[in-house]
Protein backbone atom coordinates (compact mmCIF):
# COMPACT_ATOMS: atom_id res chain seq x y z
CA MET A 1 101.29 61.02 106.55
CA ARG A 2 99.41 62.15 103.72
CA GLU A 3 100.84 64.73 101.10
CA GLY A 4 97.84 66.84 101.71
CA ALA A 5 98.18 67.03 105.42
CA VAL A 6 102.07 68.00 104.97
CA ARG A 7 101.10 70.50 102.37
CA VAL A 8 98.43 72.20 104.60
CA ALA A 9 100.86 71.92 107.64
CA ALA A 10 103.38 74.02 105.46
CA VAL A 11 100.78 76.61 104.52
CA VAL A 12 99.78 77.05 108.04
CA VAL A 13 103.51 77.70 109.16
CA PHE A 14 104.06 80.19 106.46
CA ALA A 15 100.82 81.85 107.15
CA TYR A 16 101.65 82.02 110.92
CA GLY A 17 105.22 83.47 110.10
CA THR A 18 103.28 86.14 107.88
CA ALA A 19 100.96 87.03 110.60
CA VAL A 20 103.81 87.16 113.50
CA HIS A 21 105.89 89.53 111.47
CA ALA A 22 103.06 91.70 110.09
CA TYR A 23 102.21 91.95 114.02
CA ASP A 24 105.56 93.06 114.69
CA LEU A 25 105.47 95.68 112.11
CA LEU A 26 101.83 96.79 113.10
CA ARG A 27 102.96 97.12 116.88
CA GLY A 28 106.44 98.37 116.49
CA GLY A 29 106.37 100.37 113.21
CA LEU A 30 109.47 101.07 111.34
CA ASP A 31 111.20 100.56 114.81
CA ALA A 32 109.81 96.96 114.86
CA TYR A 33 113.25 95.51 115.32
CA ALA A 34 115.24 98.52 116.64
CA GLY A 35 118.78 97.16 118.14
CA TYR A 36 119.25 94.71 115.12
CA PRO A 37 121.55 95.63 112.41
CA GLY A 38 119.88 97.20 109.11
CA TRP A 39 120.09 94.00 106.99
CA LEU A 40 118.53 92.04 109.78
CA ARG A 41 115.56 94.42 110.22
CA GLY A 42 114.97 94.41 106.44
CA PHE A 43 115.00 90.61 106.38
CA TYR A 44 112.39 90.29 109.20
CA THR A 45 110.33 92.65 107.66
CA ALA A 46 110.58 91.00 104.13
CA LEU A 47 109.51 87.86 105.67
CA ILE A 48 105.80 89.24 105.56
CA VAL A 49 105.93 89.01 101.88
CA LEU A 50 108.19 85.99 101.51
CA ASP A 51 106.36 83.82 104.06
CA ALA A 52 103.03 84.87 102.23
CA ALA A 53 104.46 83.89 99.00
CA CYS A 54 105.56 80.55 100.29
CA ALA A 55 102.01 79.93 101.65
CA VAL A 56 100.33 80.72 98.32
CA LEU A 57 103.07 78.72 96.08
CA ILE A 58 102.64 75.61 98.40
CA ALA A 59 98.99 75.70 98.43
CA MET A 60 99.03 75.86 94.54
CA ARG A 61 101.39 72.97 94.71
CA ARG A 62 104.08 74.69 92.89
CA ARG A 63 107.69 73.51 93.25
CA ALA A 64 109.00 77.06 93.33
CA GLY A 65 107.09 77.12 96.89
CA LEU A 66 109.33 74.13 98.02
CA VAL A 67 112.39 75.79 97.15
CA LEU A 68 111.44 79.23 98.47
CA GLY A 69 109.87 77.90 101.34
CA SER A 70 112.87 75.79 102.22
CA ALA A 71 115.30 78.59 101.69
CA VAL A 72 113.29 81.27 103.69
CA LEU A 73 113.21 78.84 106.70
CA VAL A 74 116.77 78.09 106.56
CA ALA A 75 117.66 81.96 106.32
CA ASP A 76 115.17 82.63 109.21
CA ALA A 77 116.95 79.97 111.51
CA LEU A 78 120.34 81.44 110.57
CA ALA A 79 119.16 85.01 111.15
CA ASN A 80 117.26 83.97 114.32
CA GLY A 81 120.67 82.26 115.36
CA TYR A 82 122.75 85.34 114.77
CA ALA A 83 120.01 87.55 116.70
CA VAL A 84 119.90 85.21 119.83
CA TYR A 85 123.38 83.83 120.10
CA GLY A 86 125.62 86.47 118.06
CA LEU A 87 123.91 89.59 119.35
CA HIS A 88 122.39 88.39 122.70
CA GLN A 89 119.07 89.73 121.75
CA GLY A 90 115.89 88.71 123.35
CA PRO A 91 114.65 86.68 126.26
CA THR A 92 115.44 83.18 126.88
CA ILE A 93 112.23 82.14 125.15
CA ALA A 94 113.90 83.53 121.94
CA ARG A 95 116.30 80.52 122.13
CA VAL A 96 113.36 78.16 121.93
CA GLY A 97 111.78 80.12 119.28
CA GLN A 98 114.99 79.75 117.26
CA GLY A 99 115.15 76.14 117.85
CA VAL A 100 111.74 75.78 116.52
CA VAL A 101 112.32 77.70 113.54
CA SER A 102 115.55 75.47 112.78
CA ALA A 103 113.36 72.32 113.38
CA LEU A 104 110.77 73.74 110.84
CA ALA A 105 113.78 74.37 108.60
CA VAL A 106 114.91 70.76 108.71
CA ALA A 107 111.32 69.53 108.35
CA MET A 108 110.68 71.88 105.06
CA VAL A 109 113.67 70.63 103.42
CA LEU A 110 112.89 66.99 104.11
CA ALA A 111 109.31 67.51 103.27
CA SER A 112 110.19 69.24 99.91
CA ARG A 113 111.96 66.20 98.86
CA TRP A 114 109.11 64.15 99.72
CA LEU A 115 106.48 66.53 97.89
CA TRP A 116 108.50 67.11 94.86
CA ARG A 117 106.87 64.75 92.60
CA SER A 118 103.39 65.77 93.58
CA PHE A 119 104.10 69.41 92.89
CA ARG A 120 104.50 70.98 89.50
């Protein structure tokens, strides 16, 4: 797979994440993540900015985007795992979503190693 295609895929993933969390906030307001602990509500809300920053930095071929993107997806996978399995929140489909985010986290870490030399 070409570097450009991997970079575009990462940008799309983070742009989608931005849109999902922004939609949650627009739909549910400040109670969008009611039922979750405050730190988790704050993290999910912060993903609007964090995901957008990752998308922009990766689009600009910045190494900071690779580091931030990997950290954000790993943290998101852990947070979703806690919400789904620790708090037993969400429908069964939430487990699928958590698995997808976990796979994306692993893919981002691996892609970051591969993309590092072509980024500045």
